[in-house]
Structures are given as structure tokens and as C-alpha cells.
């Protein structure tokens, strides 16, 4: 895994942890609407970060597979 991918996963984890803290904290009734909109925004950010991390992981896996295939093909072609 690349450091960028790990960083994005850590950010997504921090967002999810923050959501857990916000969700478990008792709130007065007047602040419930504001807390709900904050939680919705944080969930949206977490989903976007997770989606981005998944796309980065897929790209990294494709890149690694292509590098592995080209590395495996190089000795075979030079041996002939």
C-alpha cells in the first residue's frame, strides 16, 4: 500500500471515529437538528474518502499487476 492510500484510510477512520463520538454524546433537543446535519456532512465526507481510497487501491493494484507482468515477461523475451 502506498503512503497516500494509507493516509486516506486513516483520515476516513478518523472521520468515522468522530461520528461515533458525536453520536454517543448526549445532546439537548435544540441542538439535535444541528448535530444531525453535522453528522450527515461528516458521513458524506467519510463516504467520499472511502470511495477515493478504494479507487486508489484499485489503481495501485492494477499498476502493481502490470509491473509484475512486464517484469515476468522481460526475462523470457531476453532469453530467446
PDB file of N, CA and C in Angstrom:
ATOM      1  N   UNK A   1       0.839  -1.180   0.000  1.00  0.00           N
ATOM      2  CA  UNK A   1       0.000   0.000   0.000  1.00  0.00           C
ATOM      3  C   UNK A   1       0.883   1.242   0.000  1.00  0.00           C
ATOM      4  N   UNK A   2       0.423   2.218  -0.708  1.00  0.00           N
ATOM      5  CA  UNK A   2       1.193   3.450  -0.759  1.00  0.00           C
ATOM      6  C   UNK A   2       0.865   4.322   0.447  1.00  0.00           C
ATOM      7  N   UNK A   3       1.739   5.248   0.725  1.00  0.00           N
ATOM      8  CA  UNK A   3       1.513   6.128   1.871  1.00  0.00           C
ATOM      9  C   UNK A   3       0.287   7.012   1.652  1.00  0.00           C
ATOM     10  N   UNK A   4       0.006   7.372   0.400  1.00  0.00           N
ATOM     11  CA  UNK A   4      -1.176   8.182   0.111  1.00  0.00           C
ATOM     12  C   UNK A   4      -2.443   7.403   0.440  1.00  0.00           C
ATOM     13  N   UNK A   5      -2.468   6.146   0.049  1.00  0.00           N
ATOM     14  CA  UNK A   5      -3.630   5.304   0.328  1.00  0.00           C
ATOM     15  C   UNK A   5      -3.805   5.121   1.835  1.00  0.00           C
ATOM     16  N   UNK A   6      -2.719   4.859   2.530  1.00  0.00           N
ATOM     17  CA  UNK A   6      -2.793   4.705   3.980  1.00  0.00           C
ATOM     18  C   UNK A   6      -3.275   5.986   4.649  1.00  0.00           C
ATOM     19  N   UNK A   7      -2.804   7.119   4.159  1.00  0.00           N
ATOM     20  CA  UNK A   7      -3.214   8.409   4.727  1.00  0.00           C
ATOM     21  C   UNK A   7      -4.718   8.609   4.541  1.00  0.00           C
ATOM     22  N   UNK A   8      -5.229   8.281   3.356  1.00  0.00           N
ATOM     23  CA  UNK A   8      -6.663   8.442   3.107  1.00  0.00           C
ATOM     24  C   UNK A   8      -7.475   7.505   3.983  1.00  0.00           C
ATOM     25  N   UNK A   9      -7.001   6.287   4.173  1.00  0.00           N
ATOM     26  CA  UNK A   9      -7.705   5.349   5.038  1.00  0.00           C
ATOM     27  C   UNK A   9      -7.706   5.839   6.487  1.00  0.00           C
ATOM     28  N   UNK A  10      -6.585   6.420   6.925  1.00  0.00           N
ATOM     29  CA  UNK A  10      -6.518   6.948   8.289  1.00  0.00           C
ATOM     30  C   UNK A  10      -7.466   8.132   8.461  1.00  0.00           C
ATOM     31  N   UNK A  11      -7.566   8.985   7.449  1.00  0.00           N
ATOM     32  CA  UNK A  11      -8.487  10.125   7.516  1.00  0.00           C
ATOM     33  C   UNK A  11      -9.922   9.618   7.582  1.00  0.00           C
ATOM     34  N   UNK A  12     -10.246   8.629   6.752  1.00  0.00           N
ATOM     35  CA  UNK A  12     -11.601   8.064   6.774  1.00  0.00           C
ATOM     36  C   UNK A  12     -11.890   7.442   8.142  1.00  0.00           C
ATOM     37  N   UNK A  13     -10.919   6.757   8.715  1.00  0.00           N
ATOM     38  CA  UNK A  13     -11.097   6.175  10.046  1.00  0.00           C
ATOM     39  C   UNK A  13     -11.302   7.234  11.111  1.00  0.00           C
ATOM     40  N   UNK A  14     -10.579   8.329  11.008  1.00  0.00           N
ATOM     41  CA  UNK A  14     -10.736   9.420  11.970  1.00  0.00           C
ATOM     42  C   UNK A  14     -12.123  10.047  11.870  1.00  0.00           C
ATOM     43  N   UNK A  15     -12.621  10.155  10.648  1.00  0.00           N
ATOM     44  CA  UNK A  15     -13.956  10.720  10.452  1.00  0.00           C
ATOM     45  C   UNK A  15     -15.008   9.799  11.064  1.00  0.00           C
ATOM     46  N   UNK A  16     -14.857   8.502  10.828  1.00  0.00           N
ATOM     47  CA  UNK A  16     -15.804   7.538  11.399  1.00  0.00           C
ATOM     48  C   UNK A  16     -15.736   7.572  12.928  1.00  0.00           C
ATOM     49  N   UNK A  17     -14.539   7.683  13.484  1.00  0.00           N
ATOM     50  CA  UNK A  17     -14.401   7.768  14.938  1.00  0.00           C
ATOM     51  C   UNK A  17     -15.064   9.040  15.476  1.00  0.00           C
ATOM     52  N   UNK A  18     -14.894  10.140  14.771  1.00  0.00           N
ATOM     53  CA  UNK A  18     -15.530  11.389  15.186  1.00  0.00           C
ATOM     54  C   UNK A  18     -17.049  11.262  15.146  1.00  0.00           C
ATOM     55  N   UNK A  19     -17.558  10.573  14.136  1.00  0.00           N
ATOM     56  CA  UNK A  19     -19.003  10.339  14.068  1.00  0.00           C
ATOM     57  C   UNK A  19     -19.474   9.530  15.272  1.00  0.00           C
ATOM     58  N   UNK A  20     -18.681   8.545  15.668  1.00  0.00           N
ATOM     59  CA  UNK A  20     -19.040   7.737  16.828  1.00  0.00           C
ATOM     60  C   UNK A  20     -19.086   8.558  18.099  1.00  0.00           C
ATOM     61  N   UNK A  21     -18.144   9.454  18.257  1.00  0.00           N
ATOM     62  CA  UNK A  21     -18.121  10.313  19.442  1.00  0.00           C
ATOM     63  C   UNK A  21     -19.321  11.249  19.439  1.00  0.00           C
ATOM     64  N   UNK A  22     -19.619  11.832  18.281  1.00  0.00           N
ATOM     65  CA  UNK A  22     -20.755  12.746  18.175  1.00  0.00           C
ATOM     66  C   UNK A  22     -22.062  11.998  18.427  1.00  0.00           C
ATOM     67  N   UNK A  23     -22.171  10.793  17.907  1.00  0.00           N
ATOM     68  CA  UNK A  23     -23.412  10.025  18.045  1.00  0.00           C
ATOM     69  C   UNK A  23     -23.653   9.601  19.495  1.00  0.00           C
ATOM     70  N   UNK A  24     -22.608   9.328  20.240  1.00  0.00           N
ATOM     71  CA  UNK A  24     -22.753   8.852  21.618  1.00  0.00           C
ATOM     72  C   UNK A  24     -22.914   9.970  22.640  1.00  0.00           C
ATOM     73  N   UNK A  25     -22.634  11.178  22.252  1.00  0.00           N
ATOM     74  CA  UNK A  25     -22.699  12.321  23.170  1.00  0.00           C
ATOM     75  C   UNK A  25     -24.149  12.768  23.340  1.00  0.00           C
ATOM     76  N   UNK A  26     -24.616  12.895  24.566  1.00  0.00           N
ATOM     77  CA  UNK A  26     -26.000  13.367  24.751  1.00  0.00           C
ATOM     78  C   UNK A  26     -26.124  14.836  24.329  1.00  0.00           C
ATOM     79  N   UNK A  27     -27.167  15.124  23.579  1.00  0.00           N
ATOM     80  CA  UNK A  27     -27.383  16.482  23.077  1.00  0.00           C
ATOM     81  C   UNK A  27     -28.730  17.005  23.570  1.00  0.00           C
ATOM     82  N   UNK A  28     -28.834  18.285  23.859  1.00  0.00           N
ATOM     83  CA  UNK A  28     -30.144  18.878  24.139  1.00  0.00           C
ATOM     84  C   UNK A  28     -31.010  18.839  22.875  1.00  0.00           C
ATOM     85  N   UNK A  29     -32.310  18.903  23.049  1.00  0.00           N
ATOM     86  CA  UNK A  29     -33.236  18.800  21.916  1.00  0.00           C
ATOM     87  C   UNK A  29     -33.025  19.923  20.898  1.00  0.00           C
ATOM     88  N   UNK A  30     -32.651  21.117  21.339  1.00  0.00           N
ATOM     89  CA  UNK A  30     -32.476  22.243  20.428  1.00  0.00           C
ATOM     90  C   UNK A  30     -31.299  22.031  19.486  1.00  0.00           C
ATOM     91  N   UNK A  31     -30.265  21.314  19.941  1.00  0.00           N
ATOM     92  CA  UNK A  31     -29.085  21.100  19.116  1.00  0.00           C
ATOM     93  C   UNK A  31     -29.180  19.833  18.266  1.00  0.00           C
ATOM     94  N   UNK A  32     -30.257  19.090  18.377  1.00  0.00           N
ATOM     95  CA  UNK A  32     -30.383  17.820  17.670  1.00  0.00           C
ATOM     96  C   UNK A  32     -30.342  17.999  16.155  1.00  0.00           C
ATOM     97  N   UNK A  33     -30.997  19.024  15.655  1.00  0.00           N
ATOM     98  CA  UNK A  33     -31.019  19.258  14.209  1.00  0.00           C
ATOM     99  C   UNK A  33     -29.628  19.619  13.701  1.00  0.00           C
ATOM    100  N   UNK A  34     -28.926  20.481  14.411  1.00  0.00           N
ATOM    101  CA  UNK A  34     -27.574  20.867  14.009  1.00  0.00           C
ATOM    102  C   UNK A  34     -26.630  19.668  14.064  1.00  0.00           C
ATOM    103  N   UNK A  35     -26.769  18.849  15.097  1.00  0.00           N
ATOM    104  CA  UNK A  35     -25.922  17.662  15.222  1.00  0.00           C
ATOM    105  C   UNK A  35     -26.205  16.678  14.100  1.00  0.00           C
ATOM    106  N   UNK A  36     -27.474  16.543  13.737  1.00  0.00           N
ATOM    107  CA  UNK A  36     -27.836  15.627  12.650  1.00  0.00           C
ATOM    108  C   UNK A  36     -27.252  16.098  11.324  1.00  0.00           C
ATOM    109  N   UNK A  37     -27.296  17.391  11.060  1.00  0.00           N
ATOM    110  CA  UNK A  37     -26.737  17.885   9.804  1.00  0.00           C
ATOM    111  C   UNK A  37     -25.212  17.774   9.805  1.00  0.00           C
ATOM    112  N   UNK A  38     -24.576  17.985  10.966  1.00  0.00           N
ATOM    113  CA  UNK A  38     -23.130  17.802  11.071  1.00  0.00           C
ATOM    114  C   UNK A  38     -22.753  16.339  10.828  1.00  0.00           C
ATOM    115  N   UNK A  39     -23.519  15.430  11.413  1.00  0.00           N
ATOM    116  CA  UNK A  39     -23.247  14.004  11.238  1.00  0.00           C
ATOM    117  C   UNK A  39     -23.452  13.591   9.786  1.00  0.00           C
ATOM    118  N   UNK A  40     -24.470  14.143   9.136  1.00  0.00           N
ATOM    119  CA  UNK A  40     -24.719  13.831   7.732  1.00  0.00           C
ATOM    120  C   UNK A  40     -23.565  14.324   6.862  1.00  0.00           C
ATOM    121  N   UNK A  41     -23.090  15.523   7.130  1.00  0.00           N
ATOM    122  CA  UNK A  41     -21.963  16.059   6.363  1.00  0.00           C
ATOM    123  C   UNK A  41     -20.703  15.230   6.588  1.00  0.00           C
ATOM    124  N   UNK A  42     -20.459  14.829   7.823  1.00  0.00           N
ATOM    125  CA  UNK A  42     -19.287  14.011   8.117  1.00  0.00           C
ATOM    126  C   UNK A  42     -19.400  12.640   7.467  1.00  0.00           C
ATOM    127  N   UNK A  43     -20.600  12.071   7.453  1.00  0.00           N
ATOM    128  CA  UNK A  43     -20.799  10.770   6.799  1.00  0.00           C
ATOM    129  C   UNK A  43     -20.561  10.884   5.305  1.00  0.00           C
ATOM    130  N   UNK A  44     -20.992  11.976   4.718  1.00  0.00           N
ATOM    131  CA  UNK A  44     -20.763  12.202   3.293  1.00  0.00           C
ATOM    132  C   UNK A  44     -19.267  12.312   3.003  1.00  0.00           C
ATOM    133  N   UNK A  45     -18.550  13.051   3.858  1.00  0.00           N
ATOM    134  CA  UNK A  45     -17.100  13.172   3.697  1.00  0.00           C
ATOM    135  C   UNK A  45     -16.411  11.822   3.854  1.00  0.00           C
ATOM    136  N   UNK A  46     -16.861  11.025   4.808  1.00  0.00           N
ATOM    137  CA  UNK A  46     -16.272   9.707   5.024  1.00  0.00           C
ATOM    138  C   UNK A  46     -16.514   8.801   3.828  1.00  0.00           C
ATOM    139  N   UNK A  47     -17.710   8.876   3.273  1.00  0.00           N
ATOM    140  CA  UNK A  47     -18.020   8.059   2.099  1.00  0.00           C
ATOM    141  C   UNK A  47     -17.161   8.469   0.909  1.00  0.00           C
ATOM    142  N   UNK A  48     -16.966   9.760   0.735  1.00  0.00           N
ATOM    143  CA  UNK A  48     -16.131  10.243  -0.362  1.00  0.00           C
ATOM    144  C   UNK A  48     -14.683   9.812  -0.168  1.00  0.00           C
ATOM    145  N   UNK A  49     -14.187   9.897   1.066  1.00  0.00           N
ATOM    146  CA  UNK A  49     -12.810   9.482   1.346  1.00  0.00           C
ATOM    147  C   UNK A  49     -12.643   7.987   1.135  1.00  0.00           C
ATOM    148  N   UNK A  50     -13.628   7.208   1.552  1.00  0.00           N
ATOM    149  CA  UNK A  50     -13.556   5.763   1.366  1.00  0.00           C
ATOM    150  C   UNK A  50     -13.605   5.403  -0.104  1.00  0.00           C
ATOM    151  N   UNK A  51     -14.433   6.085  -0.865  1.00  0.00           N
ATOM    152  CA  UNK A  51     -14.523   5.840  -2.301  1.00  0.00           C
ATOM    153  C   UNK A  51     -13.205   6.180  -2.985  1.00  0.00           C
ATOM    154  N   UNK A  52     -12.627   7.304  -2.585  1.00  0.00           N
ATOM    155  CA  UNK A  52     -11.343   7.714  -3.147  1.00  0.00           C
ATOM    156  C   UNK A  52     -10.245   6.715  -2.784  1.00  0.00           C
ATOM    157  N   UNK A  53     -10.263   6.242  -1.544  1.00  0.00           N
ATOM    158  CA  UNK A  53      -9.267   5.262  -1.112  1.00  0.00           C
ATOM    159  C   UNK A  53      -9.427   3.953  -1.873  1.00  0.00           C
ATOM    160  N   UNK A  54     -10.664   3.542  -2.115  1.00  0.00           N
ATOM    161  CA  UNK A  54     -10.908   2.313  -2.873  1.00  0.00           C
ATOM    162  C   UNK A  54     -10.423   2.463  -4.315  1.00  0.00           C
ATOM    163  N   UNK A  55     -10.662   3.616  -4.910  1.00  0.00           N
ATOM    164  CA  UNK A  55     -10.196   3.861  -6.274  1.00  0.00           C
ATOM    165  C   UNK A  55      -8.671   3.867  -6.324  1.00  0.00           C
ATOM    166  N   UNK A  56      -8.042   4.481  -5.325  1.00  0.00           N
ATOM    167  CA  UNK A  56      -6.579   4.487  -5.267  1.00  0.00           C
ATOM    168  C   UNK A  56      -6.024   3.076  -5.090  1.00  0.00           C
ATOM    169  N   UNK A  57      -6.678   2.277  -4.265  1.00  0.00           N
ATOM    170  CA  UNK A  57      -6.235   0.898  -4.051  1.00  0.00           C
ATOM    171  C   UNK A  57      -6.369   0.097  -5.332  1.00  0.00           C
ATOM    172  N   UNK A  58      -7.450   0.299  -6.056  1.00  0.00           N
ATOM    173  CA  UNK A  58      -7.657  -0.403  -7.325  1.00  0.00           C
ATOM    174  C   UNK A  58      -6.598   0.004  -8.346  1.00  0.00           C
ATOM    175  N   UNK A  59      -6.316   1.287  -8.413  1.00  0.00           N
ATOM    176  CA  UNK A  59      -5.293   1.770  -9.346  1.00  0.00           C
ATOM    177  C   UNK A  59      -3.915   1.230  -8.966  1.00  0.00           C
ATOM    178  N   UNK A  60      -3.631   1.183  -7.675  1.00  0.00           N
ATOM    179  CA  UNK A  60      -2.339   0.662  -7.220  1.00  0.00           C
ATOM    180  C   UNK A  60      -2.222  -0.825  -7.529  1.00  0.00           C
ATOM    181  N   UNK A  61      -3.304  -1.568  -7.357  1.00  0.00           N
ATOM    182  CA  UNK A  61      -3.289  -2.994  -7.658  1.00  0.00           C
ATOM    183  C   UNK A  61      -3.097  -3.226  -9.150  1.00  0.00           C
ATOM    184  N   UNK A  62      -3.772  -2.433  -9.974  1.00  0.00           N
ATOM    185  CA  UNK A  62      -3.610  -2.555 -11.429  1.00  0.00           C
ATOM    186  C   UNK A  62      -2.181  -2.230 -11.844  1.00  0.00           C
ATOM    187  N   UNK A  63      -1.639  -1.193 -11.257  1.00  0.00           N
ATOM    188  CA  UNK A  63      -0.269  -0.789 -11.563  1.00  0.00           C
ATOM    189  C   UNK A  63       0.729  -1.864 -11.141  1.00  0.00           C
ATOM    190  N   UNK A  64       0.514  -2.442  -9.970  1.00  0.00           N
ATOM    191  CA  UNK A  64       1.397  -3.497  -9.480  1.00  0.00           C
ATOM    192  C   UNK A  64       1.302  -4.736 -10.352  1.00  0.00           C
ATOM    193  N   UNK A  65       0.087  -5.067 -10.787  1.00  0.00           N
ATOM    194  CA  UNK A  65      -0.102  -6.230 -11.648  1.00  0.00           C
ATOM    195  C   UNK A  65       0.579  -6.011 -12.995  1.00  0.00           C
ATOM    196  N   UNK A  66       0.462  -4.806 -13.544  1.00  0.00           N
ATOM    197  CA  UNK A  66       1.094  -4.506 -14.825  1.00  0.00           C
ATOM    198  C   UNK A  66       2.615  -4.557 -14.698  1.00  0.00           C
ATOM    199  N   UNK A  67       3.142  -4.041 -13.595  1.00  0.00           N
ATOM    200  CA  UNK A  67       4.587  -4.070 -13.373  1.00  0.00           C
ATOM    201  C   UNK A  67       5.065  -5.506 -13.203  1.00  0.00           C
ATOM    202  N   UNK A  68       4.281  -6.303 -12.507  1.00  0.00           N
ATOM    203  CA  UNK A  68       4.635  -7.703 -12.307  1.00  0.00           C
ATOM    204  C   UNK A  68       4.624  -8.464 -13.624  1.00  0.00           C
ATOM    205  N   UNK A  69       3.605  -8.198 -14.458  1.00  0.00           N
ATOM    206  CA  UNK A  69       3.525  -8.862 -15.758  1.00  0.00           C
ATOM    207  C   UNK A  69       4.687  -8.463 -16.670  1.00  0.00           C
ATOM    208  N   UNK A  70       5.034  -7.183 -16.674  1.00  0.00           N
ATOM    209  CA  UNK A  70       6.131  -6.738 -17.527  1.00  0.00           C
ATOM    210  C   UNK A  70       7.472  -7.249 -17.013  1.00  0.00           C
ATOM    211  N   UNK A  71       7.603  -7.357 -15.696  1.00  0.00           N
ATOM    212  CA  UNK A  71       8.842  -7.885 -15.123  1.00  0.00           C
ATOM    213  C   UNK A  71       8.974  -9.372 -15.419  1.00  0.00           C
ATOM    214  N   UNK A  72       7.874 -10.088 -15.414  1.00  0.00           N
ATOM    215  CA  UNK A  72       7.908 -11.522 -15.706  1.00  0.00           C
ATOM    216  C   UNK A  72       8.161 -11.757 -17.194  1.00  0.00           C
ATOM    217  N   UNK A  73       7.680 -10.871 -18.043  1.00  0.00           N
ATOM    218  CA  UNK A  73       7.848 -11.033 -19.496  1.00  0.00           C
ATOM    219  C   UNK A  73       9.249 -10.639 -19.935  1.00  0.00           C
ATOM    220  N   UNK A  74       9.900  -9.728 -19.252  1.00  0.00           N
ATOM    221  CA  UNK A  74      11.207  -9.234 -19.684  1.00  0.00           C
ATOM    222  C   UNK A  74      12.277 -10.332 -19.703  1.00  0.00           C
ATOM    223  N   UNK A  75      12.453 -11.156 -18.695  1.00  0.00           N
ATOM    224  CA  UNK A  75      13.484 -12.183 -18.771  1.00  0.00           C
ATOM    225  C   UNK A  75      13.187 -13.242 -19.848  1.00  0.00           C
ATOM    226  N   UNK A  76      11.928 -13.539 -20.048  1.00  0.00           N
ATOM    227  CA  UNK A  76      11.571 -14.552 -21.056  1.00  0.00           C
ATOM    228  C   UNK A  76      11.899 -14.053 -22.451  1.00  0.00           C
ATOM    229  N   UNK A  77      11.662 -12.788 -22.743  1.00  0.00           N
ATOM    230  CA  UNK A  77      11.935 -12.285 -24.076  1.00  0.00           C
ATOM    231  C   UNK A  77      13.445 -12.091 -24.298  1.00  0.00           C
ATOM    232  N   UNK A  78      14.196 -11.781 -23.264  1.00  0.00           N
ATOM    233  CA  UNK A  78      15.623 -11.592 -23.461  1.00  0.00           C
ATOM    234  C   UNK A  78      16.353 -12.931 -23.514  1.00  0.00           C
ATOM    235  N   UNK A  79      15.742 -14.010 -22.996  1.00  0.00           N
ATOM    236  CA  UNK A  79      16.371 -15.325 -23.035  1.00  0.00           C
ATOM    237  C   UNK A  79      16.292 -15.942 -24.426  1.00  0.00           C
ATOM    238  N   UNK A  80      15.350 -15.520 -25.238  1.00  0.00           N
ATOM    239  CA  UNK A  80      15.179 -16.097 -26.589  1.00  0.00           C
ATOM    240  C   UNK A  80      16.077 -15.481 -27.565  1.00  0.00           C
TER     241      UNK A  80
END
